[in-house]
Amino acid sequence: MSIPINIQGERAEDFEKTKRREPAQPLTESEIWELAEHLRFARIGTSDEGRIHITPVNVAIADQKIYFRTAPGSKLTQLILNDRVTLQFDRIGGGEAYSVNIFGTARLLTDSEEIARAESLNIVPWINTAKLEFVEITPDQVVGRKFLLGK
């Protein structure tokens, strides 16, 4: 007895198994925070005058809040003028990929106790420049998807 195969040479039973696995699936909030737990690098989206700016940042997460360091410049100015931001990160490995967006409000930390707490998170910039300002992002929505990678 022959086993039915499709045009790509896949056996019918294997095709049926893979067909049932959706190639893109939404992540739950707990799955997103689990992925973000040891996050050290992400991208932050800010806007000014109708333009979106995407900037890489080194981050740390504590109590479901995101922290990063920055220096005075356009990113900090944009955050002060418009505190609505999106933090984006992704991960690829083991036949899967993840993409996450965390929407929230950013604020410059000014309280010495808050700054000391942020310093204790050991946020290390990739480049050796003085980044003396700390920013905290308080999320109000998290969304993400898991992708099953294929041939």
C-alpha atoms as a PDB file:
ATOM      1  CA  MET A   1       0.000   0.000   0.000  1.00  0.00           C
ATOM      2  CA  SER A   2       1.444   3.372  -0.968  1.00  0.00           C
ATOM      3  CA  ILE A   3       1.402   6.433   1.281  1.00  0.00           C
ATOM      4  CA  PRO A   4      -0.131   9.501  -0.402  1.00  0.00           C
ATOM      5  CA  ILE A   5       2.285  12.414  -0.862  1.00  0.00           C
ATOM      6  CA  ASN A   6       1.776  15.963  -2.058  1.00  0.00           C
ATOM      7  CA  ILE A   7       3.588  17.706  -4.895  1.00  0.00           C
ATOM      8  CA  GLN A   8       6.439  18.728  -2.548  1.00  0.00           C
ATOM      9  CA  GLY A   9       7.012  15.125  -1.572  1.00  0.00           C
ATOM     10  CA  GLU A  10       5.501  15.437   1.903  1.00  0.00           C
ATOM     11  CA  ARG A  11       3.656  12.448   3.187  1.00  0.00           C
ATOM     12  CA  ALA A  12      -0.027  13.126   3.723  1.00  0.00           C
ATOM     13  CA  GLU A  13       0.112  12.417   7.467  1.00  0.00           C
ATOM     14  CA  ASP A  14       3.083  14.792   7.940  1.00  0.00           C
ATOM     15  CA  PHE A  15       1.355  17.478   5.907  1.00  0.00           C
ATOM     16  CA  GLU A  16      -1.788  17.171   8.010  1.00  0.00           C
ATOM     17  CA  LYS A  17       0.258  17.585  11.218  1.00  0.00           C
ATOM     18  CA  THR A  18       2.051  20.712   9.992  1.00  0.00           C
ATOM     19  CA  LYS A  19      -1.097  22.169   8.461  1.00  0.00           C
ATOM     20  CA  ARG A  20      -2.709  22.207  11.911  1.00  0.00           C
ATOM     21  CA  ARG A  21       0.143  24.287  13.350  1.00  0.00           C
ATOM     22  CA  GLU A  22      -0.573  27.910  12.611  1.00  0.00           C
ATOM     23  CA  PRO A  23       2.574  29.656  11.321  1.00  0.00           C
ATOM     24  CA  ALA A  24       1.822  32.788  13.394  1.00  0.00           C
ATOM     25  CA  GLN A  25       0.276  32.712  16.844  1.00  0.00           C
ATOM     26  CA  PRO A  26      -0.441  35.521  19.309  1.00  0.00           C
ATOM     27  CA  LEU A  27       1.514  35.465  22.555  1.00  0.00           C
ATOM     28  CA  THR A  28      -0.164  35.805  25.924  1.00  0.00           C
ATOM     29  CA  GLU A  29       0.887  38.622  28.216  1.00  0.00           C
ATOM     30  CA  SER A  30       2.662  36.165  30.520  1.00  0.00           C
ATOM     31  CA  GLU A  31       4.553  34.659  27.546  1.00  0.00           C
ATOM     32  CA  ILE A  32       5.655  38.150  26.522  1.00  0.00           C
ATOM     33  CA  TRP A  33       6.987  38.993  29.987  1.00  0.00           C
ATOM     34  CA  GLU A  34       8.741  35.631  30.156  1.00  0.00           C
ATOM     35  CA  LEU A  35      10.501  36.415  26.860  1.00  0.00           C
ATOM     36  CA  ALA A  36      11.365  39.910  28.087  1.00  0.00           C
ATOM     37  CA  GLU A  37      12.695  38.789  31.468  1.00  0.00           C
ATOM     38  CA  HIS A  38      16.377  38.769  30.469  1.00  0.00           C
ATOM     39  CA  LEU A  39      16.104  41.300  27.662  1.00  0.00           C
ATOM     40  CA  ARG A  40      19.170  43.528  27.249  1.00  0.00           C
ATOM     41  CA  PHE A  41      18.628  45.046  23.806  1.00  0.00           C
ATOM     42  CA  ALA A  42      15.544  46.469  22.099  1.00  0.00           C
ATOM     43  CA  ARG A  43      14.410  49.310  19.874  1.00  0.00           C
ATOM     44  CA  ILE A  44      12.432  52.297  21.047  1.00  0.00           C
ATOM     45  CA  GLY A  45      10.006  54.135  18.809  1.00  0.00           C
ATOM     46  CA  THR A  46       9.475  57.825  19.498  1.00  0.00           C
ATOM     47  CA  SER A  47       7.857  60.528  17.417  1.00  0.00           C
ATOM     48  CA  ASP A  48       8.211  64.203  16.737  1.00  0.00           C
ATOM     49  CA  GLU A  49       6.373  66.365  14.246  1.00  0.00           C
ATOM     50  CA  GLY A  50       4.775  63.328  12.633  1.00  0.00           C
ATOM     51  CA  ARG A  51       8.009  61.399  12.080  1.00  0.00           C
ATOM     52  CA  ILE A  52       8.705  58.102  13.799  1.00  0.00           C
ATOM     53  CA  HIS A  53      12.230  57.497  15.099  1.00  0.00           C
ATOM     54  CA  ILE A  54      13.450  53.968  15.850  1.00  0.00           C
ATOM     55  CA  THR A  55      16.521  53.838  18.074  1.00  0.00           C
ATOM     56  CA  PRO A  56      18.410  50.879  19.546  1.00  0.00           C
ATOM     57  CA  VAL A  57      18.633  50.911  23.345  1.00  0.00           C
ATOM     58  CA  ASN A  58      20.143  48.737  26.040  1.00  0.00           C
ATOM     59  CA  VAL A  59      17.422  47.928  28.545  1.00  0.00           C
ATOM     60  CA  ALA A  60      16.611  46.215  31.797  1.00  0.00           C
ATOM     61  CA  ILE A  61      13.214  45.118  33.031  1.00  0.00           C
ATOM     62  CA  ALA A  62      12.063  45.143  36.638  1.00  0.00           C
ATOM     63  CA  ASP A  63       8.511  44.746  37.914  1.00  0.00           C
ATOM     64  CA  GLN A  64       7.162  44.886  34.351  1.00  0.00           C
ATOM     65  CA  LYS A  65       8.695  48.300  33.727  1.00  0.00           C
ATOM     66  CA  ILE A  66      11.451  48.974  31.221  1.00  0.00           C
ATOM     67  CA  TYR A  67      14.518  51.065  31.981  1.00  0.00           C
ATOM     68  CA  PHE A  68      17.220  52.465  29.742  1.00  0.00           C
ATOM     69  CA  ARG A  69      19.982  55.044  29.895  1.00  0.00           C
ATOM     70  CA  THR A  70      20.369  57.929  27.508  1.00  0.00           C
ATOM     71  CA  ALA A  71      22.275  61.144  26.976  1.00  0.00           C
ATOM     72  CA  PRO A  72      20.864  64.577  26.211  1.00  0.00           C
ATOM     73  CA  GLY A  73      19.897  64.711  22.548  1.00  0.00           C
ATOM     74  CA  SER A  74      17.050  64.147  20.142  1.00  0.00           C
ATOM     75  CA  LYS A  75      15.756  60.939  21.777  1.00  0.00           C
ATOM     76  CA  LEU A  76      15.478  62.558  25.203  1.00  0.00           C
ATOM     77  CA  THR A  77      13.924  65.697  23.727  1.00  0.00           C
ATOM     78  CA  GLN A  78      11.349  63.599  21.862  1.00  0.00           C
ATOM     79  CA  LEU A  79      10.489  61.715  25.060  1.00  0.00           C
ATOM     80  CA  ILE A  80       9.960  64.943  26.956  1.00  0.00           C
ATOM     81  CA  LEU A  81       7.760  66.434  24.209  1.00  0.00           C
ATOM     82  CA  ASN A  82       5.789  63.229  23.576  1.00  0.00           C
ATOM     83  CA  ASP A  83       5.976  60.567  26.262  1.00  0.00           C
ATOM     84  CA  ARG A  84       4.107  57.895  24.234  1.00  0.00           C
ATOM     85  CA  VAL A  85       6.573  55.241  23.070  1.00  0.00           C
ATOM     86  CA  THR A  86       6.794  51.734  21.670  1.00  0.00           C
ATOM     87  CA  LEU A  87       9.503  49.305  22.681  1.00  0.00           C
ATOM     88  CA  GLN A  88      10.093  46.541  20.138  1.00  0.00           C
ATOM     89  CA  PHE A  89      12.189  43.410  20.444  1.00  0.00           C
ATOM     90  CA  ASP A  90      12.466  40.133  18.630  1.00  0.00           C
ATOM     91  CA  ARG A  91      14.138  36.799  19.037  1.00  0.00           C
ATOM     92  CA  ILE A  92      14.932  33.963  16.625  1.00  0.00           C
ATOM     93  CA  GLY A  93      16.016  30.431  17.446  1.00  0.00           C
ATOM     94  CA  GLY A  94      15.010  26.804  17.536  1.00  0.00           C
ATOM     95  CA  GLY A  95      12.774  27.023  14.485  1.00  0.00           C
ATOM     96  CA  GLU A  96      10.754  29.869  16.011  1.00  0.00           C
ATOM     97  CA  ALA A  97      10.777  33.645  15.909  1.00  0.00           C
ATOM     98  CA  TYR A  98       9.113  36.136  18.221  1.00  0.00           C
ATOM     99  CA  SER A  99       8.202  39.764  17.722  1.00  0.00           C
ATOM    100  CA  VAL A 100       6.943  41.896  20.603  1.00  0.00           C
ATOM    101  CA  ASN A 101       5.717  45.486  20.900  1.00  0.00           C
ATOM    102  CA  ILE A 102       5.317  47.109  24.290  1.00  0.00           C
ATOM    103  CA  PHE A 103       3.340  50.353  24.184  1.00  0.00           C
ATOM    104  CA  GLY A 104       3.583  52.755  27.066  1.00  0.00           C
ATOM    105  CA  THR A 105       4.542  56.039  28.634  1.00  0.00           C
ATOM    106  CA  ALA A 106       8.137  57.123  29.179  1.00  0.00           C
ATOM    107  CA  ARG A 107       9.400  59.439  31.864  1.00  0.00           C
ATOM    108  CA  LEU A 108      12.777  60.792  32.813  1.00  0.00           C
ATOM    109  CA  LEU A 109      13.749  59.694  36.316  1.00  0.00           C
ATOM    110  CA  THR A 110      14.626  62.612  38.594  1.00  0.00           C
ATOM    111  CA  ASP A 111      14.116  61.178  42.079  1.00  0.00           C
ATOM    112  CA  SER A 112      17.431  60.036  43.612  1.00  0.00           C
ATOM    113  CA  GLU A 113      15.938  56.795  44.974  1.00  0.00           C
ATOM    114  CA  GLU A 114      14.468  55.895  41.580  1.00  0.00           C
ATOM    115  CA  ILE A 115      17.783  56.656  39.885  1.00  0.00           C
ATOM    116  CA  ALA A 116      19.656  54.500  42.411  1.00  0.00           C
ATOM    117  CA  ARG A 117      17.245  51.641  41.732  1.00  0.00           C
ATOM    118  CA  ALA A 118      17.718  52.030  37.967  1.00  0.00           C
ATOM    119  CA  GLU A 119      21.506  52.097  38.432  1.00  0.00           C
ATOM    120  CA  SER A 120      21.295  48.813  40.334  1.00  0.00           C
ATOM    121  CA  LEU A 121      19.886  47.142  37.192  1.00  0.00           C
ATOM    122  CA  ASN A 122      23.346  47.354  35.559  1.00  0.00           C
ATOM    123  CA  ILE A 123      22.259  48.695  32.203  1.00  0.00           C
ATOM    124  CA  VAL A 124      25.453  48.658  30.160  1.00  0.00           C
ATOM    125  CA  PRO A 125      25.539  50.680  26.928  1.00  0.00           C
ATOM    126  CA  TRP A 126      27.221  49.071  23.920  1.00  0.00           C
ATOM    127  CA  ILE A 127      29.241  52.160  23.162  1.00  0.00           C
ATOM    128  CA  ASN A 128      31.450  53.943  25.640  1.00  0.00           C
ATOM    129  CA  THR A 129      29.615  57.254  25.946  1.00  0.00           C
ATOM    130  CA  ALA A 130      28.254  59.027  28.993  1.00  0.00           C
ATOM    131  CA  LYS A 131      24.583  58.160  29.345  1.00  0.00           C
ATOM    132  CA  LEU A 132      23.688  59.749  32.646  1.00  0.00           C
ATOM    133  CA  GLU A 133      19.923  60.008  32.267  1.00  0.00           C
ATOM    134  CA  PHE A 134      17.577  57.139  33.155  1.00  0.00           C
ATOM    135  CA  VAL A 135      14.192  56.649  31.515  1.00  0.00           C
ATOM    136  CA  GLU A 136      11.397  54.410  32.776  1.00  0.00           C
ATOM    137  CA  ILE A 137       8.667  53.066  30.494  1.00  0.00           C
ATOM    138  CA  THR A 138       5.372  52.091  32.090  1.00  0.00           C
ATOM    139  CA  PRO A 139       3.569  49.726  29.702  1.00  0.00           C
ATOM    140  CA  ASP A 140      -0.141  50.032  29.019  1.00  0.00           C
ATOM    141  CA  GLN A 141      -0.344  47.372  26.287  1.00  0.00           C
ATOM    142  CA  VAL A 142       1.840  44.447  25.251  1.00  0.00           C
ATOM    143  CA  VAL A 143       1.366  42.485  22.042  1.00  0.00           C
ATOM    144  CA  GLY A 144       3.444  39.808  20.439  1.00  0.00           C
ATOM    145  CA  ARG A 145       3.460  36.959  18.002  1.00  0.00           C
ATOM    146  CA  LYS A 146       5.292  33.695  17.695  1.00  0.00           C
ATOM    147  CA  PHE A 147       6.224  32.519  14.215  1.00  0.00           C
ATOM    148  CA  LEU A 148       7.006  28.949  13.269  1.00  0.00           C
ATOM    149  CA  LEU A 149       9.835  29.105  10.784  1.00  0.00           C
ATOM    150  CA  GLY A 150       9.676  26.844   7.788  1.00  0.00           C
ATOM    151  CA  LYS A 151      11.450  26.029   4.587  1.00  0.00           C
END
